[in-house]
Protein backbone atom coordinates (compact mmCIF):
# COMPACT_ATOMS: atom_id res chain seq x y z
CA MET A 1 -14.20 1.49 -23.78
CA SER A 2 -14.63 -2.24 -23.46
CA ILE A 3 -12.26 -3.98 -21.06
CA SER A 4 -9.22 -5.40 -22.86
CA SER A 5 -8.36 -9.09 -22.75
CA ARG A 6 -5.41 -8.19 -20.52
CA VAL A 7 -7.59 -6.47 -17.96
CA GLN A 8 -10.23 -9.20 -18.15
CA MET A 9 -7.56 -11.78 -17.30
CA LEU A 10 -6.05 -9.78 -14.44
CA ARG A 11 -9.48 -8.93 -13.06
CA ARG A 12 -10.58 -12.56 -13.14
CA ILE A 13 -7.42 -13.66 -11.32
CA SER A 14 -7.96 -10.98 -8.68
CA ILE A 15 -11.57 -12.01 -8.11
CA ASP A 16 -11.06 -15.78 -8.20
CA THR A 17 -7.88 -16.02 -6.13
CA PRO A 18 -8.75 -16.87 -2.51
CA ALA A 19 -7.33 -14.77 0.29
CA VAL A 20 -4.45 -16.42 2.13
CA LEU A 21 -2.48 -15.46 5.18
CA SER A 22 1.24 -15.05 4.52
CA SER A 23 3.80 -15.44 7.28
CA GLU A 24 6.61 -13.97 5.15
CA ARG A 25 6.57 -10.48 6.65
CA ALA A 26 6.31 -11.89 10.17
CA GLU A 27 9.29 -14.16 9.49
CA LEU A 28 11.40 -11.29 8.15
CA VAL A 29 10.54 -8.92 11.00
CA THR A 30 11.17 -11.62 13.59
CA ARG A 31 14.52 -12.48 12.02
CA PHE A 32 15.57 -8.82 12.06
CA TYR A 33 14.56 -8.32 15.71
CA GLN A 34 16.43 -11.49 16.68
CA GLN A 35 19.62 -10.37 14.95
CA GLN A 36 19.61 -6.72 15.98
CA GLN A 37 21.55 -6.13 19.20
CA ASP A 38 22.80 -2.56 18.84
CA LEU A 39 21.43 0.32 20.89
CA ILE A 40 19.49 2.26 18.27
CA SER A 41 16.82 4.93 18.59
CA ALA A 42 13.24 3.87 17.81
CA PRO A 43 12.96 5.89 14.56
CA VAL A 44 16.20 4.51 13.14
CA PHE A 45 15.41 0.97 14.30
CA ARG A 46 12.01 0.97 12.62
CA ALA A 47 13.57 2.45 9.48
CA LEU A 48 16.07 -0.41 9.44
CA VAL A 49 13.20 -2.88 9.80
CA PHE A 50 11.57 -1.28 6.76
CA LYS A 51 14.85 -1.41 4.82
CA TYR A 52 15.19 -5.11 5.64
CA LEU A 53 11.66 -5.75 4.40
CA MET A 54 12.16 -3.84 1.16
CA GLU A 55 15.39 -5.69 0.46
CA ASN A 56 14.16 -9.19 1.29
CA LYS A 57 10.41 -9.56 0.71
CA THR A 58 9.34 -11.61 -2.29
CA ILE A 59 8.62 -9.58 -5.42
CA CYS A 60 6.57 -10.73 -8.36
CA ILE A 61 5.54 -9.52 -11.80
CA TYR A 62 2.69 -11.43 -13.41
CA ASP A 63 1.86 -11.93 -17.05
CA GLY A 64 0.14 -8.90 -18.54
CA GLU A 65 0.64 -6.58 -15.58
CA LEU A 66 1.38 -2.92 -16.27
CA ILE A 67 1.45 -1.73 -12.65
CA VAL A 68 3.65 -3.99 -10.51
CA GLY A 69 4.13 -4.79 -6.84
CA GLU A 70 2.26 -6.73 -4.16
CA LYS A 71 2.07 -6.36 -0.38
CA GLY A 72 2.39 -10.11 0.07
CA PRO A 73 4.46 -12.64 -1.87
CA GLU A 74 1.55 -13.09 -4.32
CA PRO A 75 -1.84 -11.50 -5.07
CA LYS A 76 -4.43 -11.82 -2.26
CA ALA A 77 -1.75 -12.81 0.27
CA ALA A 78 -2.20 -10.84 3.51
CA PRO A 79 0.88 -10.21 5.66
CA THR A 80 0.83 -10.19 9.44
CA TYR A 81 2.38 -7.72 11.90
CA PRO A 82 3.51 -9.57 15.04
CA GLU A 83 5.22 -6.52 16.51
CA LEU A 84 1.74 -4.95 16.73
CA CYS A 85 -0.33 -8.00 17.60
CA CYS A 86 0.75 -11.60 17.22
CA HIS A 87 -1.82 -14.12 16.00
CA SER A 88 -2.26 -17.20 18.16
CA ILE A 89 -2.74 -20.67 16.72
CA LYS A 90 -6.39 -20.36 17.76
CA ASP A 91 -6.61 -17.14 15.71
CA LEU A 92 -5.06 -18.80 12.67
CA ASN A 93 -7.38 -21.78 12.81
CA LEU A 94 -10.38 -19.48 13.21
CA LEU A 95 -9.33 -17.43 10.18
CA ASN A 96 -8.84 -20.57 8.11
CA ASP A 97 -12.17 -22.14 9.11
CA ARG A 98 -14.60 -19.24 9.49
CA GLU A 99 -17.52 -19.29 7.07
CA LYS A 100 -17.41 -15.65 6.02
CA ILE A 101 -14.24 -14.04 4.68
CA PRO A 102 -11.83 -16.88 5.47
CA PHE A 103 -8.07 -16.53 5.10
CA ARG A 104 -6.48 -19.82 4.11
CA VAL A 105 -3.57 -20.71 6.39
CA GLU A 106 -1.12 -23.25 5.01
CA PRO A 107 0.39 -25.94 7.28
CA ARG A 108 3.84 -24.41 6.76
CA ASP A 109 2.65 -21.06 8.11
CA LEU A 110 1.10 -22.74 11.14
CA GLN A 111 4.41 -24.45 11.81
CA ILE A 112 6.39 -21.22 11.42
CA TYR A 113 4.06 -19.47 13.86
CA THR A 114 4.24 -22.33 16.34
CA GLU A 115 8.01 -22.71 16.29
CA GLN A 116 9.32 -19.20 15.61
CA ILE A 117 6.93 -16.27 15.62
CA ILE A 118 4.71 -16.90 18.65
CA PRO A 119 7.60 -17.89 20.98
CA PHE A 120 9.65 -14.81 20.08
CA TRP A 121 6.84 -12.26 20.33
CA LYS A 122 5.25 -13.58 23.51
CA GLY A 123 5.13 -10.57 25.85
CA ARG A 124 6.80 -8.26 23.29
CA SER A 125 4.00 -7.10 20.98
CA MET A 126 2.48 -3.65 21.29
CA ARG A 127 -0.90 -5.22 22.05
CA GLU A 128 0.48 -7.11 25.04
CA LEU A 129 2.35 -4.04 26.29
CA ILE A 130 -0.89 -2.05 26.21
CA PHE A 131 -2.97 -4.78 27.84
CA ARG A 132 -0.54 -4.98 30.75
CA GLN A 133 -1.36 -1.37 31.58
CA MET A 134 -5.15 -1.89 31.66
CA ASP A 135 -7.20 -2.69 34.78
CA PRO A 136 -9.06 -6.02 35.21
CA GLU A 137 -12.48 -4.43 34.57
CA TRP A 138 -11.32 -3.13 31.21
CA ILE A 139 -9.88 -6.52 30.23
CA ALA A 140 -13.12 -8.26 31.22
CA ALA A 141 -15.18 -5.82 29.11
CA TYR A 142 -12.91 -6.37 26.13
CA GLU A 143 -13.01 -10.15 26.40
CA ALA A 144 -16.82 -10.04 26.73
CA GLY A 145 -17.00 -8.25 23.39
CA ILE A 146 -18.44 -4.99 24.72
CA PHE A 147 -15.99 -3.39 22.34
CA THR A 148 -13.85 -5.35 19.93
CA GLU A 149 -11.04 -3.24 18.58
CA PHE A 150 -8.94 -0.18 19.11
CA MET A 151 -5.40 0.88 18.29
CA GLU A 152 -3.84 -2.24 19.82
CA GLN A 153 -4.08 -4.01 16.46
CA ARG A 154 -3.19 -1.29 14.01
CA ALA A 155 -1.06 1.72 13.27
CA PRO A 156 -2.75 5.09 12.54
CA GLY A 157 -4.61 5.12 9.25
CA HIS A 158 -7.46 6.98 7.51
CA THR A 159 -4.73 8.93 5.79
CA VAL A 160 -4.57 10.56 2.36
CA LEU A 161 -1.34 11.01 0.44
CA ASP A 162 -1.01 14.54 -0.92
CA GLU A 163 0.52 15.73 -4.18
CA LYS A 164 4.18 15.87 -3.13
CA ILE A 165 5.19 12.62 -4.80
CA TYR A 166 3.98 13.91 -8.14
CA ARG A 167 6.42 16.83 -7.87
CA LYS A 168 9.42 15.27 -6.12
CA GLY A 169 11.28 12.00 -6.24
CA MET A 170 12.77 10.27 -3.22
CA LEU A 171 16.19 11.64 -4.13
CA ASP A 172 14.70 15.12 -3.84
CA PHE A 173 13.27 14.24 -0.43
CA ILE A 174 16.67 12.91 0.63
CA ALA A 175 18.24 16.21 -0.41
CA ASP A 176 15.64 18.07 1.68
CA ILE A 177 16.37 15.78 4.62
CA ASP A 178 20.10 16.46 4.33
CA VAL A 179 19.46 20.20 4.39
CA ALA A 180 17.37 19.77 7.54
CA ILE A 181 20.08 17.63 9.18
CA ASN A 182 22.79 20.15 8.37
CA GLY A 183 20.63 22.91 9.85
CA LEU A 184 20.10 21.30 13.25
CA ASP A 185 21.00 23.50 16.21
CA TYR A 186 22.54 21.15 18.78
CA LEU A 187 23.34 23.99 21.19
CA GLY A 188 20.06 25.89 21.09
CA ASP A 189 17.52 23.16 20.44
CA PRO A 190 17.09 20.56 23.22
CA TYR A 191 15.31 18.26 20.75
CA ALA A 192 18.00 18.45 18.06
CA TYR A 193 19.20 14.90 18.64
CA ASP A 194 15.62 13.55 18.49
CA ARG A 195 15.11 15.44 15.23
CA LEU A 196 18.34 13.96 13.87
CA GLU A 197 17.18 10.42 14.61
CA GLU A 198 13.81 11.00 12.98
CA LEU A 199 15.40 12.57 9.90
CA THR A 200 17.94 9.75 9.70
CA GLY A 201 15.11 7.22 9.79
CA MET A 202 13.29 9.09 7.03
CA ARG A 203 16.45 9.05 4.90
CA ILE A 204 16.85 5.29 5.35
CA CYS A 205 13.22 4.72 4.35
CA ALA A 206 13.50 6.88 1.22
CA LYS A 207 16.52 4.91 0.05
CA ALA A 208 14.78 1.63 0.91
CA ILE A 209 11.74 2.32 -1.28
CA ILE A 210 14.08 3.19 -4.15
CA ARG A 211 15.79 -0.16 -3.71
CA PHE A 212 12.40 -1.91 -3.62
CA ALA A 213 11.59 -0.41 -7.03
CA GLU A 214 15.01 -1.34 -8.40
CA ARG A 215 14.40 -4.97 -7.46
CA HIS A 216 11.25 -4.88 -9.59
CA ALA A 217 13.28 -3.36 -12.42
CA ASP A 218 15.82 -6.18 -12.16
CA LEU A 219 13.04 -8.78 -12.30
CA ALA A 220 11.38 -7.10 -15.29
CA ASP A 221 14.75 -7.11 -17.10
CA GLN A 222 15.15 -10.83 -16.40
CA LEU A 223 11.64 -11.63 -17.62
CA ALA A 224 12.16 -9.57 -20.78
CA ILE A 225 15.22 -11.63 -21.76
CA SER A 226 13.20 -14.84 -22.06
CA GLU A 227 9.94 -13.27 -23.29
CA ILE A 228 9.12 -14.32 -26.88
CA ASN A 229 6.08 -12.07 -27.37
CA PRO A 230 7.46 -8.80 -28.83
CA LEU A 231 4.72 -6.66 -27.28
CA ARG A 232 5.17 -8.14 -23.81
CA LYS A 233 8.96 -7.84 -24.13
CA PHE A 234 8.48 -4.13 -24.88
CA GLU A 235 6.17 -3.76 -21.88
CA LEU A 236 8.62 -5.50 -19.55
CA ASN A 237 11.47 -3.27 -20.74
CA ARG A 238 9.23 -0.24 -20.17
CA ILE A 239 8.32 -1.48 -16.67
CA ALA A 240 12.02 -1.88 -15.89
CA SER A 241 12.71 1.64 -17.09
CA ILE A 242 9.84 3.05 -15.04
CA CYS A 243 10.95 1.23 -11.87
CA ARG A 244 14.47 2.61 -12.26
CA TRP A 245 13.08 6.14 -12.57
CA VAL A 246 10.35 6.18 -9.92
CA PRO A 247 10.25 6.61 -7.02
CA ALA A 248 13.84 7.86 -7.17
CA HIS A 249 12.75 10.76 -9.38
CA ALA A 250 9.55 12.71 -9.94
CA PRO A 251 7.22 11.05 -12.48
CA ARG A 252 7.22 12.31 -16.06
CA ASP A 253 4.08 10.66 -17.41
CA LEU A 254 0.87 8.96 -16.31
CA TRP A 255 2.33 5.44 -16.15
CA GLU A 256 5.20 6.61 -13.95
CA ALA A 257 2.84 8.60 -11.72
CA LEU A 258 0.63 5.57 -11.06
CA GLN A 259 3.59 3.28 -10.44
CA TYR A 260 5.20 5.82 -8.09
CA TYR A 261 2.03 6.06 -6.02
CA TRP A 262 1.74 2.28 -5.89
CA PHE A 263 5.27 1.81 -4.56
CA VAL A 264 4.57 4.37 -1.83
CA HIS A 265 1.25 2.69 -1.01
CA LEU A 266 2.97 -0.68 -0.65
CA GLY A 267 5.74 0.84 1.44
CA VAL A 268 3.38 2.49 3.91
CA THR A 269 1.09 -0.53 4.29
CA THR A 270 3.98 -3.00 4.50
CA GLU A 271 5.88 -1.07 7.17
CA LEU A 272 2.88 -1.16 9.53
CA ASN A 273 -0.75 -2.20 9.26
CA THR A 274 -2.49 1.15 8.92
CA TRP A 275 -5.96 1.27 10.46
CA ASP A 276 -7.62 1.06 7.02
CA SER A 277 -7.89 3.60 4.28
CA PHE A 278 -4.46 4.73 3.23
CA SER A 279 -5.66 6.46 0.10
CA PRO A 280 -4.56 8.31 -3.05
CA GLY A 281 -7.02 11.10 -2.31
CA ARG A 282 -7.89 13.44 -5.19
CA LEU A 283 -6.50 11.20 -7.87
CA ASP A 284 -8.16 13.06 -10.76
CA GLN A 285 -6.48 16.32 -9.77
CA HIS A 286 -3.10 14.67 -9.15
CA LEU A 287 -3.10 12.87 -12.50
CA GLU A 288 -4.57 15.59 -14.71
CA PRO A 289 -1.24 17.23 -15.68
CA PHE A 290 0.25 13.88 -16.75
CA TYR A 291 -2.86 12.92 -18.69
CA LEU A 292 -3.15 16.22 -20.54
CA GLN A 293 0.57 16.26 -21.33
CA GLY A 294 0.41 12.75 -22.79
CA ILE A 295 -2.65 13.57 -24.90
CA LYS A 296 -1.05 16.80 -26.13
CA ASN A 297 2.28 15.33 -27.18
CA GLY A 298 0.75 12.20 -28.66
CA THR A 299 2.37 9.69 -26.28
CA LEU A 300 -0.95 8.70 -24.66
CA THR A 301 -4.49 8.01 -25.76
CA ARG A 302 -7.60 7.98 -23.62
CA SER A 303 -7.96 4.23 -24.04
CA GLU A 304 -4.35 3.67 -22.96
CA ALA A 305 -4.88 5.84 -19.89
CA GLU A 306 -8.05 3.91 -19.10
CA GLU A 307 -6.24 0.57 -19.30
CA LEU A 308 -3.48 1.81 -17.00
CA LEU A 309 -6.09 2.93 -14.46
CA GLN A 310 -7.91 -0.39 -14.74
CA CYS A 311 -4.65 -2.20 -13.95
CA PHE A 312 -4.16 0.22 -11.04
CA TRP A 313 -7.64 -0.69 -9.72
CA ILE A 314 -6.75 -4.39 -9.80
CA LYS A 315 -3.67 -3.82 -7.65
CA PHE A 316 -5.88 -2.43 -4.88
CA ASN A 317 -8.22 -5.39 -5.14
CA ASN A 318 -5.25 -7.74 -4.74
CA GLN A 319 -4.65 -6.44 -1.21
CA PRO A 320 -6.97 -7.98 1.40
CA ALA A 321 -6.94 -6.23 4.76
CA PRO A 322 -4.62 -8.02 7.19
CA PRO A 323 -6.79 -10.19 9.47
CA LYS A 324 -7.32 -9.32 13.11
CA VAL A 325 -6.77 -11.27 16.32
CA GLY A 326 -8.73 -12.41 19.35
CA VAL A 327 -12.41 -11.59 19.66
CA THR A 328 -12.09 -9.17 16.71
CA ALA A 329 -11.10 -12.01 14.39
CA ALA A 330 -14.29 -13.82 15.38
CA GLU A 331 -16.60 -10.80 15.27
CA SER A 332 -15.24 -8.85 12.30
CA GLY A 333 -15.47 -9.96 8.70
CA THR A 334 -13.41 -7.05 7.41
CA TYR A 335 -11.70 -7.90 4.16
CA THR A 336 -10.97 -4.59 2.45
CA ASP A 337 -8.42 -1.91 3.24
CA PHE A 338 -11.02 0.76 2.37
CA ALA A 339 -8.63 2.70 0.13
CA GLN A 340 -10.60 5.67 -1.13
CA ILE A 341 -10.50 7.44 -4.51
CA ASN A 342 -11.91 10.98 -4.33
CA ILE A 343 -13.31 12.44 -7.56
CA GLY A 344 -14.43 15.99 -8.33
CA GLY A 345 -14.97 18.61 -5.65
CA LEU A 346 -12.86 21.73 -5.51
CA LYS A 347 -9.21 22.57 -5.98
CA ALA A 348 -7.14 24.04 -3.17
CA ASP A 349 -7.85 27.54 -4.48
CA GLY A 350 -11.60 26.95 -4.30
CA SER A 351 -12.18 26.58 -8.05
CA ASP A 352 -13.94 23.68 -9.77
CA GLY A 353 -11.89 20.48 -9.42
CA VAL A 354 -13.63 18.43 -12.12
CA ASN A 355 -11.46 17.66 -15.14
CA GLU A 356 -11.16 15.11 -17.96
CA VAL A 357 -9.60 12.55 -15.61
CA SER A 358 -12.66 12.83 -13.33
CA TYR A 359 -14.85 11.43 -16.10
CA LEU A 360 -12.23 8.84 -16.93
CA LEU A 361 -12.23 7.61 -13.33
CA LEU A 362 -16.04 7.40 -13.31
CA ASP A 363 -15.80 5.12 -16.35
CA VAL A 364 -13.15 2.96 -14.67
CA VAL A 365 -15.26 2.56 -11.53
CA GLU A 366 -18.23 1.38 -13.59
CA GLU A 367 -16.15 -0.94 -15.78
CA MET A 368 -14.14 -2.64 -13.06
CA ARG A 369 -16.86 -3.28 -10.42
CA LEU A 370 -14.33 -4.45 -7.85
CA LEU A 371 -14.55 -4.55 -4.08
CA GLN A 372 -11.51 -2.28 -3.87
CA PRO A 373 -10.76 0.58 -4.18
CA SER A 374 -13.75 2.53 -2.92
CA ALA A 375 -14.66 5.67 -4.83
CA SER A 376 -16.71 8.73 -4.00
CA ILE A 377 -17.52 12.04 -5.63
CA GLN A 378 -17.26 15.43 -3.94
CA ILE A 379 -20.01 17.85 -4.87
CA SER A 380 -19.93 21.63 -5.09
CA LYS A 381 -22.18 24.16 -6.75
CA LYS A 382 -19.12 25.01 -8.84
CA ASN A 383 -19.08 21.52 -10.40
CA PRO A 384 -20.74 21.22 -13.83
CA ASP A 385 -24.11 19.51 -14.06
CA GLN A 386 -22.59 17.09 -16.55
CA PHE A 387 -20.36 15.68 -13.79
CA ILE A 388 -23.31 15.13 -11.44
CA ASN A 389 -25.39 13.56 -14.21
CA SER A 390 -22.51 11.32 -15.31
CA SER A 391 -22.07 10.13 -11.74
CA LEU A 392 -25.78 9.35 -11.37
CA ASP A 393 -25.85 7.51 -14.69
CA LYS A 394 -23.28 4.99 -13.47
CA LYS A 395 -24.97 1.77 -12.38
């Protein structure tokens, strides 16, 4: 399949748009921490931070998009995470001026950092809390660049989402959480209260990601009202319908499955800066039932599925990795989030995992030629030779 004019336009925008640093997330998180005075457990507090982000961050839907949602207020806008590590003005100037992989920093963002974010987070960030526990020799080694990064700048990452979201919606997860809460043994389990707080935080987050999707549905409805192109009006109405269904409910078709995953991806990587590579995992196996169902009932063609996946690829490429601080900002040119698409391999029962979507994904990788997402194939003697040969034929 040749790339459609829609995908060509979206791909060009993704490639040509320069990476910028956005202070929006930092502003929202700082505002929430400043306002919150109640004594709340850590899991519930962080869930409320996430809820505040999902309810207040800028949302956008751009012309021609089929998969919607950005981590920043616009494509290629990288958020910052001051509760983990707060960028200094020196960091921001370095990121703006460095020759390789710069992040443009607008004067407004510099002012916001100078007047609001840096003063509030001084001495409060996780990075500073950790550094205060380290001995002088360790600090000297770090500042000399003997090593340049560890978990003081990130949350845990290198994580793969499994297949649960393709079988259950967030309302189903909320129902499961309620069952677990009602089953807590406060007399026999000394950790019952801790479990309650964790489950309560999970419940808040599930509802928050539903609300995030609903905000996109509202925007799509608004855009559809003024849209004069009949095809785009139809697409916007469809996007609104999808965003009202997922992630609240389990996806029913390929478009819903891709959009559901994308909302979860944005939620995870917006809540905290995962240490790279929060990934869809075995996407061909997850999507196969939706693809085959659509082909069988005549609601989907291969070319339509390919275009949806191409739009999905572009969303990954719109997400530059949040820039680092200190010596790591100077030494590291990391730009990508290293999200990984796994293709082929085996199923959980040990049988051949290659299917029609595997070949479809190989085509998308070759057609899109984008920095993100990364893709790899898993090889087993149970895989057909055709799959290996098709992989090797891709340039």
